[in-house]
Amino acid sequence: MANRLNVGGEEQGTVRTPTNGLDTTRTPASGAAELTGVAKGVHRINVNFSRSAYETLEQLAAAKGKSMSEVLRDAIQLEKWLTDAQAEGWHVLFEKDGRVREFVRI
C-alpha cells in the first residue's frame, strides 16, 4: 500500500506501508519525518565503531552466517550473562587440554 508522505505541509514522496507490522512512518517532536522500517517495540540506535571493531563485527557475522545486528544482540546477551553470573559470585572458567583459565574482567 502506498501513501503520500507530508512533512510540514509539503509533499515529500511515497511511503510504502508494509503488511508485516513494520512502522515505517513516525513524526518525532521536531516534526521531521522519520522512516524507520523498525517493528513496533524494537528500538534502533546508531553506533560508531573504529575501523578494526567494524571489521571484526563483519568477520564475526560472516563466520556465523548472521547479520551484524544479530552478532551485537548475541554479544549483549553474553555480556548480561557474564555480569549477572559474576555478581552472584560465579567464576567463569575456560578449559582446554586439561588446562583451566578463569575469565577475569579488567
Protein backbone atom coordinates (compact mmCIF):
# COMPACT_ATOMS: atom_id res chain seq x y z
CA MET A 1 0.00 0.00 0.00
CA ALA A 2 1.44 3.41 -0.90
CA ASN A 3 0.72 6.68 0.88
CA ARG A 4 1.94 10.18 0.18
CA LEU A 5 4.25 11.48 2.91
CA ASN A 6 3.66 15.07 4.01
CA VAL A 7 6.10 16.88 6.26
CA GLY A 8 5.33 20.41 7.37
CA GLY A 9 2.60 20.69 4.74
CA GLU A 10 4.95 19.76 1.88
CA GLU A 11 4.63 16.52 -0.01
CA GLN A 12 7.89 14.56 0.36
CA GLY A 13 7.28 11.37 -1.61
CA THR A 14 5.67 7.99 -1.46
CA VAL A 15 5.91 5.71 1.54
CA ARG A 16 5.07 2.05 1.14
CA THR A 17 3.11 0.69 4.08
CA PRO A 18 4.11 -2.95 4.56
CA THR A 19 1.70 -5.60 5.72
CA ASN A 20 4.22 -7.14 8.14
CA GLY A 21 3.59 -4.82 11.10
CA LEU A 22 6.57 -2.54 10.49
CA ASP A 23 6.17 1.10 11.42
CA THR A 24 7.66 3.00 8.50
CA THR A 25 6.40 6.47 9.28
CA ARG A 26 6.65 8.34 12.52
CA THR A 27 6.70 12.03 13.21
CA PRO A 28 9.08 12.92 16.05
CA ALA A 29 8.57 16.00 18.19
CA SER A 30 10.65 18.03 15.72
CA GLY A 31 8.00 17.47 13.05
CA ALA A 32 10.51 15.86 10.69
CA ALA A 33 9.56 12.60 9.02
CA GLU A 34 11.42 9.52 10.12
CA LEU A 35 11.41 6.38 8.02
CA THR A 36 12.39 3.66 10.44
CA GLY A 37 11.33 0.32 8.98
CA VAL A 38 11.53 -0.97 12.55
CA ALA A 39 8.93 -3.28 14.03
CA LYS A 40 6.85 -1.88 16.85
CA GLY A 41 8.55 -2.47 20.21
CA VAL A 42 12.01 -2.55 18.63
CA HIS A 43 14.45 0.32 19.10
CA ARG A 44 17.00 1.50 16.57
CA ILE A 45 20.29 3.08 17.61
CA ASN A 46 23.31 4.48 15.81
CA VAL A 47 26.71 3.28 16.98
CA ASN A 48 30.16 4.49 15.96
CA PHE A 49 32.90 1.86 15.62
CA SER A 50 36.60 2.09 14.98
CA ARG A 51 37.64 0.56 11.68
CA SER A 52 39.08 -2.52 13.42
CA ALA A 53 35.97 -3.05 15.56
CA TYR A 54 33.74 -2.75 12.49
CA GLU A 55 35.88 -5.20 10.54
CA THR A 56 35.78 -7.63 13.47
CA LEU A 57 31.99 -7.33 13.58
CA GLU A 58 31.79 -8.01 9.84
CA GLN A 59 34.07 -11.05 10.17
CA LEU A 60 32.06 -12.47 13.09
CA ALA A 61 28.80 -12.00 11.19
CA ALA A 62 30.20 -13.71 8.07
CA ALA A 63 31.70 -16.59 10.06
CA LYS A 64 28.42 -17.21 11.91
CA GLY A 65 26.14 -16.60 8.93
CA LYS A 66 24.33 -13.89 10.90
CA SER A 67 23.65 -10.21 10.44
CA MET A 68 25.79 -7.70 12.28
CA SER A 69 22.71 -6.81 14.37
CA GLU A 70 22.33 -10.45 15.41
CA VAL A 71 26.01 -10.62 16.40
CA LEU A 72 25.60 -7.47 18.51
CA ARG A 73 22.46 -8.85 20.18
CA ASP A 74 24.36 -12.08 20.97
CA ALA A 75 27.23 -10.05 22.45
CA ILE A 76 24.84 -8.04 24.64
CA GLN A 77 23.19 -11.25 25.85
CA LEU A 78 26.59 -12.76 26.68
CA GLU A 79 27.69 -9.60 28.49
CA LYS A 80 24.48 -9.66 30.55
CA TRP A 81 25.02 -13.32 31.43
CA LEU A 82 28.66 -12.72 32.46
CA THR A 83 27.74 -9.67 34.53
CA ASP A 84 24.91 -11.49 36.32
CA ALA A 85 27.00 -14.64 36.94
CA GLN A 86 29.89 -12.69 38.41
CA ALA A 87 27.55 -10.55 40.53
CA GLU A 88 26.18 -13.79 42.01
CA GLY A 89 29.71 -14.96 42.88
CA TRP A 90 30.20 -17.40 39.99
CA HIS A 91 33.61 -17.84 38.36
CA VAL A 92 33.73 -18.22 34.60
CA LEU A 93 36.31 -20.80 33.58
CA PHE A 94 37.73 -21.91 30.24
CA GLU A 95 39.24 -25.37 29.90
CA LYS A 96 41.43 -26.72 27.11
CA ASP A 97 43.62 -29.82 27.10
CA GLY A 98 43.37 -30.13 30.89
CA ARG A 99 44.35 -26.50 31.49
CA VAL A 100 41.87 -24.21 33.20
CA ARG A 101 41.80 -20.43 33.00
CA GLU A 102 39.46 -18.04 34.75
CA PHE A 103 37.79 -15.18 32.93
CA VAL A 104 38.60 -12.00 34.88
CA ARG A 105 37.30 -8.57 33.98
CA ILE A 106 39.80 -5.77 33.61
